[in-house]
Amino acid sequence: MKVTVRYFASIREAIGHGSEVIEADVKTVETLRDLLLTRGAKYQEALSAERAVRMALNQSVCDGTALLQDNCEVAFFPPVTGG
């Protein structure tokens, strides 16, 4: 399955780039996140379970159980507050 992954704000800064295309056998947003954590310290720092990370699938906010489809887009971003 091919997934476009986008990173925003502090997550993008920690990882060092804003997007990438991943080909992997993953079924949910959470399993994709788990796969990304295996890519090294930068990913672990940015996406660890201890960090508050919001997720979106095809530009709709979702949780980790959201099911992926081939050629979908997943975004990871920190919580945003307004004022």
C-alpha atoms as a PDB file:
ATOM      1  CA  MET A   1       0.000   0.000   0.000  1.00  0.00           C
ATOM      2  CA  LYS A   2       1.250   3.485  -0.845  1.00  0.00           C
ATOM      3  CA  VAL A   3       0.595   6.239   1.734  1.00  0.00           C
ATOM      4  CA  THR A   4       1.573   9.893   1.534  1.00  0.00           C
ATOM      5  CA  VAL A   5       2.554  11.047   5.025  1.00  0.00           C
ATOM      6  CA  ARG A   6       2.635  14.743   5.902  1.00  0.00           C
ATOM      7  CA  TYR A   7       4.182  16.281   9.009  1.00  0.00           C
ATOM      8  CA  PHE A   8       3.326  19.717  10.374  1.00  0.00           C
ATOM      9  CA  ALA A   9       4.749  22.282  12.820  1.00  0.00           C
ATOM     10  CA  SER A  10       7.039  20.883  15.553  1.00  0.00           C
ATOM     11  CA  ILE A  11       6.701  17.351  14.183  1.00  0.00           C
ATOM     12  CA  ARG A  12       8.011  18.482  10.795  1.00  0.00           C
ATOM     13  CA  GLU A  13      10.878  20.303  12.510  1.00  0.00           C
ATOM     14  CA  ALA A  14      11.831  17.244  14.585  1.00  0.00           C
ATOM     15  CA  ILE A  15      11.759  14.829  11.643  1.00  0.00           C
ATOM     16  CA  GLY A  16      13.437  17.214   9.237  1.00  0.00           C
ATOM     17  CA  HIS A  17      11.027  17.116   6.307  1.00  0.00           C
ATOM     18  CA  GLY A  18       7.387  17.866   5.577  1.00  0.00           C
ATOM     19  CA  SER A  19       6.254  14.793   3.696  1.00  0.00           C
ATOM     20  CA  GLU A  20       7.194  11.417   2.308  1.00  0.00           C
ATOM     21  CA  VAL A  21       5.606   8.531   0.455  1.00  0.00           C
ATOM     22  CA  ILE A  22       5.731   5.186   2.214  1.00  0.00           C
ATOM     23  CA  GLU A  23       5.002   1.777   0.763  1.00  0.00           C
ATOM     24  CA  ALA A  24       4.157  -0.668   3.519  1.00  0.00           C
ATOM     25  CA  ASP A  25       1.674  -3.309   4.563  1.00  0.00           C
ATOM     26  CA  VAL A  26      -0.186  -1.304   7.212  1.00  0.00           C
ATOM     27  CA  LYS A  27      -3.916  -1.249   7.864  1.00  0.00           C
ATOM     28  CA  THR A  28      -4.570   1.617  10.287  1.00  0.00           C
ATOM     29  CA  VAL A  29      -3.185   5.035  11.106  1.00  0.00           C
ATOM     30  CA  GLU A  30      -1.842   3.614  14.384  1.00  0.00           C
ATOM     31  CA  THR A  31       0.061   0.793  12.671  1.00  0.00           C
ATOM     32  CA  LEU A  32       1.528   3.384  10.306  1.00  0.00           C
ATOM     33  CA  ARG A  33       2.624   5.453  13.315  1.00  0.00           C
ATOM     34  CA  ASP A  34       4.177   2.337  14.886  1.00  0.00           C
ATOM     35  CA  LEU A  35       6.071   1.662  11.655  1.00  0.00           C
ATOM     36  CA  LEU A  36       7.366   5.226  11.564  1.00  0.00           C
ATOM     37  CA  LEU A  37       8.647   4.870  15.146  1.00  0.00           C
ATOM     38  CA  THR A  38      10.996   2.121  13.940  1.00  0.00           C
ATOM     39  CA  ARG A  39      12.742   4.611  11.634  1.00  0.00           C
ATOM     40  CA  GLY A  40      14.949   6.069  14.344  1.00  0.00           C
ATOM     41  CA  ALA A  41      15.360   8.702  17.023  1.00  0.00           C
ATOM     42  CA  LYS A  42      13.907  11.634  15.091  1.00  0.00           C
ATOM     43  CA  TYR A  43      10.655   9.776  14.483  1.00  0.00           C
ATOM     44  CA  GLN A  44      10.555   8.474  18.059  1.00  0.00           C
ATOM     45  CA  GLU A  45      10.983  11.989  19.410  1.00  0.00           C
ATOM     46  CA  ALA A  46       8.262  13.424  17.180  1.00  0.00           C
ATOM     47  CA  LEU A  47       5.661  10.636  17.205  1.00  0.00           C
ATOM     48  CA  SER A  48       6.069   8.767  20.510  1.00  0.00           C
ATOM     49  CA  ALA A  49       2.957   7.654  22.366  1.00  0.00           C
ATOM     50  CA  GLU A  50       3.862  10.023  25.199  1.00  0.00           C
ATOM     51  CA  ARG A  51       3.474  13.048  22.913  1.00  0.00           C
ATOM     52  CA  ALA A  52       0.131  14.588  22.081  1.00  0.00           C
ATOM     53  CA  VAL A  53      -0.150  14.041  18.339  1.00  0.00           C
ATOM     54  CA  ARG A  54      -3.242  14.660  16.242  1.00  0.00           C
ATOM     55  CA  MET A  55      -3.842  12.632  13.101  1.00  0.00           C
ATOM     56  CA  ALA A  56      -5.852  13.119   9.936  1.00  0.00           C
ATOM     57  CA  LEU A  57      -6.746  10.720   7.155  1.00  0.00           C
ATOM     58  CA  ASN A  58      -7.474  12.343   3.796  1.00  0.00           C
ATOM     59  CA  GLN A  59      -7.800  15.732   5.525  1.00  0.00           C
ATOM     60  CA  SER A  60     -10.319  14.564   8.149  1.00  0.00           C
ATOM     61  CA  VAL A  61      -9.222  14.356  11.774  1.00  0.00           C
ATOM     62  CA  CYS A  62      -9.220  10.735  12.929  1.00  0.00           C
ATOM     63  CA  ASP A  63      -7.971   8.415  15.631  1.00  0.00           C
ATOM     64  CA  GLY A  64      -5.530   5.549  15.323  1.00  0.00           C
ATOM     65  CA  THR A  65      -8.197   3.024  14.327  1.00  0.00           C
ATOM     66  CA  ALA A  66      -8.938   4.754  11.002  1.00  0.00           C
ATOM     67  CA  LEU A  67      -8.478   2.318   8.125  1.00  0.00           C
ATOM     68  CA  LEU A  68      -6.015   3.189   5.379  1.00  0.00           C
ATOM     69  CA  GLN A  69      -6.571   2.736   1.653  1.00  0.00           C
ATOM     70  CA  ASP A  70      -4.004   2.656  -1.126  1.00  0.00           C
ATOM     71  CA  ASN A  71      -2.897   6.169  -2.164  1.00  0.00           C
ATOM     72  CA  CYS A  72      -4.360   7.828   0.920  1.00  0.00           C
ATOM     73  CA  GLU A  73      -2.857  10.770   2.814  1.00  0.00           C
ATOM     74  CA  VAL A  74      -2.104  10.732   6.538  1.00  0.00           C
ATOM     75  CA  ALA A  75      -1.085  13.850   8.439  1.00  0.00           C
ATOM     76  CA  PHE A  76       0.523  14.120  11.870  1.00  0.00           C
ATOM     77  CA  PHE A  77       0.402  17.434  13.717  1.00  0.00           C
ATOM     78  CA  PRO A  78       0.536  18.772  17.273  1.00  0.00           C
ATOM     79  CA  PRO A  79      -2.649  19.922  18.997  1.00  0.00           C
ATOM     80  CA  VAL A  80      -3.563  23.464  18.019  1.00  0.00           C
ATOM     81  CA  THR A  81      -5.174  26.025  20.270  1.00  0.00           C
ATOM     82  CA  GLY A  82      -6.787  29.258  19.249  1.00  0.00           C
ATOM     83  CA  GLY A  83      -7.087  32.546  20.971  1.00  0.00           C
END
